[in-house]
Amino acid sequence: MILFAAGCTVLEIFSSYSRYVTFLKWTTLSLFAYVATALIVRVPWGEVAYNTVVRKYPGSRTISS
């Protein structure tokens, strides 16, 4: 995250606007790819939420796949 922020800062200061806009378009596209993947792939959201919220202790009951 720090490297990405530093890279954006350097590009914003030392490059032309047209080059920086091209960089931002591709990074935005890559972020939308994460959202699209989450929507396309069948994720058992109930199981994900359960395993995220409920702590796992030895001997506790969990949802098995």
PDB file of N, CA and C in Angstrom:
ATOM      1  N   MET A   1       0.820  -1.174   0.000  1.00  0.00           N
ATOM      2  CA  MET A   1       0.000   0.000   0.000  1.00  0.00           C
ATOM      3  C   MET A   1       0.874   1.250   0.000  1.00  0.00           C
ATOM      4  N   ILE A   2       1.905   1.223   0.797  1.00  0.00           N
ATOM      5  CA  ILE A   2       2.790   2.380   0.867  1.00  0.00           C
ATOM      6  C   ILE A   2       3.519   2.579  -0.466  1.00  0.00           C
ATOM      7  N   LEU A   3       3.950   1.468  -1.070  1.00  0.00           N
ATOM      8  CA  LEU A   3       4.626   1.576  -2.371  1.00  0.00           C
ATOM      9  C   LEU A   3       3.681   2.092  -3.448  1.00  0.00           C
ATOM     10  N   PHE A   4       2.432   1.645  -3.414  1.00  0.00           N
ATOM     11  CA  PHE A   4       1.445   2.113  -4.388  1.00  0.00           C
ATOM     12  C   PHE A   4       1.204   3.611  -4.216  1.00  0.00           C
ATOM     13  N   ALA A   5       1.068   4.058  -2.967  1.00  0.00           N
ATOM     14  CA  ALA A   5       0.856   5.482  -2.702  1.00  0.00           C
ATOM     15  C   ALA A   5       2.062   6.301  -3.140  1.00  0.00           C
ATOM     16  N   ALA A   6       3.249   5.780  -2.878  1.00  0.00           N
ATOM     17  CA  ALA A   6       4.460   6.487  -3.291  1.00  0.00           C
ATOM     18  C   ALA A   6       4.546   6.549  -4.816  1.00  0.00           C
ATOM     19  N   GLY A   7       4.211   5.445  -5.478  1.00  0.00           N
ATOM     20  CA  GLY A   7       4.223   5.430  -6.935  1.00  0.00           C
ATOM     21  C   GLY A   7       3.244   6.432  -7.522  1.00  0.00           C
ATOM     22  N   CYS A   8       2.043   6.491  -6.964  1.00  0.00           N
ATOM     23  CA  CYS A   8       1.048   7.463  -7.443  1.00  0.00           C
ATOM     24  C   CYS A   8       1.533   8.896  -7.231  1.00  0.00           C
ATOM     25  N   THR A   9       2.152   9.140  -6.096  1.00  0.00           N
ATOM     26  CA  THR A   9       2.655  10.483  -5.811  1.00  0.00           C
ATOM     27  C   THR A   9       3.755  10.872  -6.790  1.00  0.00           C
ATOM     28  N   VAL A  10       4.681   9.957  -7.027  1.00  0.00           N
ATOM     29  CA  VAL A  10       5.768  10.236  -7.967  1.00  0.00           C
ATOM     30  C   VAL A  10       5.218  10.472  -9.367  1.00  0.00           C
ATOM     31  N   LEU A  11       4.287   9.637  -9.811  1.00  0.00           N
ATOM     32  CA  LEU A  11       3.711   9.826 -11.141  1.00  0.00           C
ATOM     33  C   LEU A  11       2.956  11.148 -11.243  1.00  0.00           C
ATOM     34  N   GLU A  12       2.238  11.503 -10.193  1.00  0.00           N
ATOM     35  CA  GLU A  12       1.464  12.736 -10.224  1.00  0.00           C
ATOM     36  C   GLU A  12       2.366  13.965 -10.311  1.00  0.00           C
ATOM     37  N   ILE A  13       3.500  13.902  -9.638  1.00  0.00           N
ATOM     38  CA  ILE A  13       4.395  15.063  -9.612  1.00  0.00           C
ATOM     39  C   ILE A  13       5.286  15.132 -10.850  1.00  0.00           C
ATOM     40  N   PHE A  14       5.850  13.989 -11.249  1.00  0.00           N
ATOM     41  CA  PHE A  14       6.909  14.013 -12.258  1.00  0.00           C
ATOM     42  C   PHE A  14       6.492  13.557 -13.657  1.00  0.00           C
ATOM     43  N   SER A  15       5.253  13.183 -13.879  1.00  0.00           N
ATOM     44  CA  SER A  15       4.864  12.749 -15.217  1.00  0.00           C
ATOM     45  C   SER A  15       3.783  13.663 -15.778  1.00  0.00           C
ATOM     46  N   SER A  16       3.553  13.506 -17.063  1.00  0.00           N
ATOM     47  CA  SER A  16       2.519  14.325 -17.692  1.00  0.00           C
ATOM     48  C   SER A  16       1.135  13.786 -17.311  1.00  0.00           C
ATOM     49  N   TYR A  17       0.151  14.633 -17.465  1.00  0.00           N
ATOM     50  CA  TYR A  17      -1.217  14.260 -17.106  1.00  0.00           C
ATOM     51  C   TYR A  17      -1.707  13.075 -17.936  1.00  0.00           C
ATOM     52  N   SER A  18      -1.423  13.060 -19.228  1.00  0.00           N
ATOM     53  CA  SER A  18      -1.912  11.975 -20.088  1.00  0.00           C
ATOM     54  C   SER A  18      -1.307  10.625 -19.684  1.00  0.00           C
ATOM     55  N   ARG A  19      -0.055  10.607 -19.287  1.00  0.00           N
ATOM     56  CA  ARG A  19       0.577   9.359 -18.843  1.00  0.00           C
ATOM     57  C   ARG A  19      -0.036   8.908 -17.507  1.00  0.00           C
ATOM     58  N   TYR A  20      -0.277   9.851 -16.597  1.00  0.00           N
ATOM     59  CA  TYR A  20      -0.847   9.518 -15.288  1.00  0.00           C
ATOM     60  C   TYR A  20      -2.276   9.006 -15.423  1.00  0.00           C
ATOM     61  N   VAL A  21      -3.056   9.589 -16.309  1.00  0.00           N
ATOM     62  CA  VAL A  21      -4.431   9.145 -16.529  1.00  0.00           C
ATOM     63  C   VAL A  21      -4.449   7.712 -17.057  1.00  0.00           C
ATOM     64  N   THR A  22      -3.536   7.385 -17.951  1.00  0.00           N
ATOM     65  CA  THR A  22      -3.447   6.012 -18.463  1.00  0.00           C
ATOM     66  C   THR A  22      -3.161   5.040 -17.334  1.00  0.00           C
ATOM     67  N   PHE A  23      -2.239   5.400 -16.449  1.00  0.00           N
ATOM     68  CA  PHE A  23      -1.920   4.558 -15.297  1.00  0.00           C
ATOM     69  C   PHE A  23      -3.153   4.362 -14.403  1.00  0.00           C
ATOM     70  N   LEU A  24      -3.873   5.448 -14.134  1.00  0.00           N
ATOM     71  CA  LEU A  24      -5.059   5.360 -13.274  1.00  0.00           C
ATOM     72  C   LEU A  24      -6.166   4.515 -13.910  1.00  0.00           C
ATOM     73  N   LYS A  25      -6.327   4.602 -15.226  1.00  0.00           N
ATOM     74  CA  LYS A  25      -7.346   3.795 -15.900  1.00  0.00           C
ATOM     75  C   LYS A  25      -7.062   2.312 -15.720  1.00  0.00           C
ATOM     76  N   TRP A  26      -5.802   1.902 -15.881  1.00  0.00           N
ATOM     77  CA  TRP A  26      -5.468   0.479 -15.744  1.00  0.00           C
ATOM     78  C   TRP A  26      -5.581  -0.003 -14.302  1.00  0.00           C
ATOM     79  N   THR A  27      -5.208   0.829 -13.342  1.00  0.00           N
ATOM     80  CA  THR A  27      -5.343   0.402 -11.943  1.00  0.00           C
ATOM     81  C   THR A  27      -6.821   0.315 -11.547  1.00  0.00           C
ATOM     82  N   THR A  28      -7.644   1.220 -12.072  1.00  0.00           N
ATOM     83  CA  THR A  28      -9.081   1.145 -11.802  1.00  0.00           C
ATOM     84  C   THR A  28      -9.680  -0.113 -12.410  1.00  0.00           C
ATOM     85  N   LEU A  29      -9.262  -0.445 -13.604  1.00  0.00           N
ATOM     86  CA  LEU A  29      -9.736  -1.665 -14.256  1.00  0.00           C
ATOM     87  C   LEU A  29      -9.360  -2.902 -13.442  1.00  0.00           C
ATOM     88  N   SER A  30      -8.155  -2.918 -12.904  1.00  0.00           N
ATOM     89  CA  SER A  30      -7.742  -4.072 -12.105  1.00  0.00           C
ATOM     90  C   SER A  30      -8.555  -4.176 -10.818  1.00  0.00           C
ATOM     91  N   LEU A  31      -8.931  -3.062 -10.225  1.00  0.00           N
ATOM     92  CA  LEU A  31      -9.777  -3.106  -9.027  1.00  0.00           C
ATOM     93  C   LEU A  31     -11.183  -3.600  -9.363  1.00  0.00           C
ATOM     94  N   PHE A  32     -11.725  -3.198 -10.499  1.00  0.00           N
ATOM     95  CA  PHE A  32     -13.035  -3.692 -10.923  1.00  0.00           C
ATOM     96  C   PHE A  32     -12.996  -5.186 -11.216  1.00  0.00           C
ATOM     97  N   ALA A  33     -11.840  -5.696 -11.610  1.00  0.00           N
ATOM     98  CA  ALA A  33     -11.698  -7.137 -11.851  1.00  0.00           C
ATOM     99  C   ALA A  33     -11.923  -7.920 -10.559  1.00  0.00           C
ATOM    100  N   TYR A  34     -11.479  -7.392  -9.425  1.00  0.00           N
ATOM    101  CA  TYR A  34     -11.732  -8.051  -8.145  1.00  0.00           C
ATOM    102  C   TYR A  34     -13.228  -8.114  -7.850  1.00  0.00           C
ATOM    103  N   VAL A  35     -13.927  -7.025  -8.086  1.00  0.00           N
ATOM    104  CA  VAL A  35     -15.373  -6.989  -7.837  1.00  0.00           C
ATOM    105  C   VAL A  35     -16.095  -7.947  -8.775  1.00  0.00           C
ATOM    106  N   ALA A  36     -15.724  -7.943 -10.041  1.00  0.00           N
ATOM    107  CA  ALA A  36     -16.352  -8.837 -11.016  1.00  0.00           C
ATOM    108  C   ALA A  36     -16.116 -10.295 -10.640  1.00  0.00           C
ATOM    109  N   THR A  37     -14.922 -10.623 -10.196  1.00  0.00           N
ATOM    110  CA  THR A  37     -14.619 -11.988  -9.787  1.00  0.00           C
ATOM    111  C   THR A  37     -15.473 -12.404  -8.609  1.00  0.00           C
ATOM    112  N   ALA A  38     -15.644 -11.526  -7.637  1.00  0.00           N
ATOM    113  CA  ALA A  38     -16.474 -11.839  -6.474  1.00  0.00           C
ATOM    114  C   ALA A  38     -17.928 -12.065  -6.873  1.00  0.00           C
ATOM    115  N   LEU A  39     -18.396 -11.372  -7.905  1.00  0.00           N
ATOM    116  CA  LEU A  39     -19.780 -11.537  -8.349  1.00  0.00           C
ATOM    117  C   LEU A  39     -19.969 -12.773  -9.222  1.00  0.00           C
ATOM    118  N   ILE A  40     -18.945 -13.159  -9.969  1.00  0.00           N
ATOM    119  CA  ILE A  40     -19.058 -14.285 -10.897  1.00  0.00           C
ATOM    120  C   ILE A  40     -18.854 -15.631 -10.209  1.00  0.00           C
ATOM    121  N   VAL A  41     -17.859 -15.703  -9.340  1.00  0.00           N
ATOM    122  CA  VAL A  41     -17.531 -16.959  -8.662  1.00  0.00           C
ATOM    123  C   VAL A  41     -18.590 -17.250  -7.608  1.00  0.00           C
ATOM    124  N   ARG A  42     -19.014 -18.484  -7.535  1.00  0.00           N
ATOM    125  CA  ARG A  42     -20.026 -18.864  -6.545  1.00  0.00           C
ATOM    126  C   ARG A  42     -19.353 -19.046  -5.189  1.00  0.00           C
ATOM    127  N   VAL A  43     -19.572 -18.065  -4.327  1.00  0.00           N
ATOM    128  CA  VAL A  43     -18.975 -18.075  -2.996  1.00  0.00           C
ATOM    129  C   VAL A  43     -20.087 -18.364  -1.991  1.00  0.00           C
ATOM    130  N   PRO A  44     -19.877 -19.337  -1.105  1.00  0.00           N
ATOM    131  CA  PRO A  44     -20.874 -19.583  -0.059  1.00  0.00           C
ATOM    132  C   PRO A  44     -20.775 -18.497   1.022  1.00  0.00           C
ATOM    133  N   TRP A  45     -21.447 -17.364   0.789  1.00  0.00           N
ATOM    134  CA  TRP A  45     -21.285 -16.206   1.665  1.00  0.00           C
ATOM    135  C   TRP A  45     -21.700 -16.472   3.095  1.00  0.00           C
ATOM    136  N   GLY A  46     -22.691 -17.338   3.298  1.00  0.00           N
ATOM    137  CA  GLY A  46     -23.087 -17.686   4.661  1.00  0.00           C
ATOM    138  C   GLY A  46     -21.958 -18.367   5.404  1.00  0.00           C
ATOM    139  N   GLU A  47     -21.301 -19.290   4.734  1.00  0.00           N
ATOM    140  CA  GLU A  47     -20.171 -19.993   5.345  1.00  0.00           C
ATOM    141  C   GLU A  47     -18.994 -19.048   5.577  1.00  0.00           C
ATOM    142  N   VAL A  48     -18.756 -18.166   4.637  1.00  0.00           N
ATOM    143  CA  VAL A  48     -17.673 -17.196   4.801  1.00  0.00           C
ATOM    144  C   VAL A  48     -17.950 -16.297   5.999  1.00  0.00           C
ATOM    145  N   ALA A  49     -19.167 -15.795   6.107  1.00  0.00           N
ATOM    146  CA  ALA A  49     -19.528 -14.927   7.225  1.00  0.00           C
ATOM    147  C   ALA A  49     -19.427 -15.677   8.549  1.00  0.00           C
ATOM    148  N   TYR A  50     -19.903 -16.915   8.567  1.00  0.00           N
ATOM    149  CA  TYR A  50     -19.860 -17.705   9.794  1.00  0.00           C
ATOM    150  C   TYR A  50     -18.413 -17.930  10.227  1.00  0.00           C
ATOM    151  N   ASN A  51     -17.567 -18.346   9.294  1.00  0.00           N
ATOM    152  CA  ASN A  51     -16.177 -18.631   9.638  1.00  0.00           C
ATOM    153  C   ASN A  51     -15.369 -17.368   9.922  1.00  0.00           C
ATOM    154  N   THR A  52     -15.841 -16.228   9.462  1.00  0.00           N
ATOM    155  CA  THR A  52     -15.167 -14.981   9.758  1.00  0.00           C
ATOM    156  C   THR A  52     -15.530 -14.472  11.144  1.00  0.00           C
ATOM    157  N   VAL A  53     -16.784 -14.630  11.522  1.00  0.00           N
ATOM    158  CA  VAL A  53     -17.267 -14.075  12.783  1.00  0.00           C
ATOM    159  C   VAL A  53     -17.048 -15.029  13.954  1.00  0.00           C
ATOM    160  N   VAL A  54     -17.335 -16.298  13.757  1.00  0.00           N
ATOM    161  CA  VAL A  54     -17.268 -17.259  14.854  1.00  0.00           C
ATOM    162  C   VAL A  54     -15.828 -17.695  15.053  1.00  0.00           C
ATOM    163  N   ARG A  55     -15.369 -17.580  16.305  1.00  0.00           N
ATOM    164  CA  ARG A  55     -14.012 -18.049  16.604  1.00  0.00           C
ATOM    165  C   ARG A  55     -14.000 -19.563  16.625  1.00  0.00           C
ATOM    166  N   LYS A  56     -12.902 -20.127  16.194  1.00  0.00           N
ATOM    167  CA  LYS A  56     -12.786 -21.580  16.171  1.00  0.00           C
ATOM    168  C   LYS A  56     -11.977 -22.036  17.383  1.00  0.00           C
ATOM    169  N   TYR A  57     -12.628 -22.780  18.246  1.00  0.00           N
ATOM    170  CA  TYR A  57     -11.974 -23.365  19.401  1.00  0.00           C
ATOM    171  C   TYR A  57     -11.876 -24.863  19.186  1.00  0.00           C
ATOM    172  N   PRO A  58     -10.873 -25.514  19.765  1.00  0.00           N
ATOM    173  CA  PRO A  58     -10.792 -26.968  19.648  1.00  0.00           C
ATOM    174  C   PRO A  58     -12.068 -27.625  20.160  1.00  0.00           C
ATOM    175  N   GLY A  59     -12.634 -28.490  19.345  1.00  0.00           N
ATOM    176  CA  GLY A  59     -13.848 -29.191  19.736  1.00  0.00           C
ATOM    177  C   GLY A  59     -15.124 -28.444  19.437  1.00  0.00           C
ATOM    178  N   SER A  60     -15.031 -27.242  18.875  1.00  0.00           N
ATOM    179  CA  SER A  60     -16.259 -26.501  18.570  1.00  0.00           C
ATOM    180  C   SER A  60     -16.841 -27.001  17.258  1.00  0.00           C
ATOM    181  N   ARG A  61     -18.113 -26.802  17.092  1.00  0.00           N
ATOM    182  CA  ARG A  61     -18.795 -27.227  15.854  1.00  0.00           C
ATOM    183  C   ARG A  61     -18.610 -26.153  14.800  1.00  0.00           C
ATOM    184  N   THR A  62     -18.238 -26.579  13.617  1.00  0.00           N
ATOM    185  CA  THR A  62     -18.089 -25.659  12.486  1.00  0.00           C
ATOM    186  C   THR A  62     -18.822 -26.230  11.293  1.00  0.00           C
ATOM    187  N   ILE A  63     -19.087 -25.377  10.321  1.00  0.00           N
ATOM    188  CA  ILE A  63     -19.711 -25.818   9.084  1.00  0.00           C
ATOM    189  C   ILE A  63     -18.642 -26.473   8.224  1.00  0.00           C
ATOM    190  N   SER A  64     -18.874 -27.697   7.814  1.00  0.00           N
ATOM    191  CA  SER A  64     -17.903 -28.370   6.955  1.00  0.00           C
ATOM    192  C   SER A  64     -18.393 -28.353   5.520  1.00  0.00           C
ATOM    193  N   SER A  65     -17.463 -28.318   4.604  1.00  0.00           N
ATOM    194  CA  SER A  65     -17.847 -28.259   3.185  1.00  0.00           C
ATOM    195  C   SER A  65     -17.929 -29.619   2.570  1.00  0.00           C
TER     196      SER A  65
END
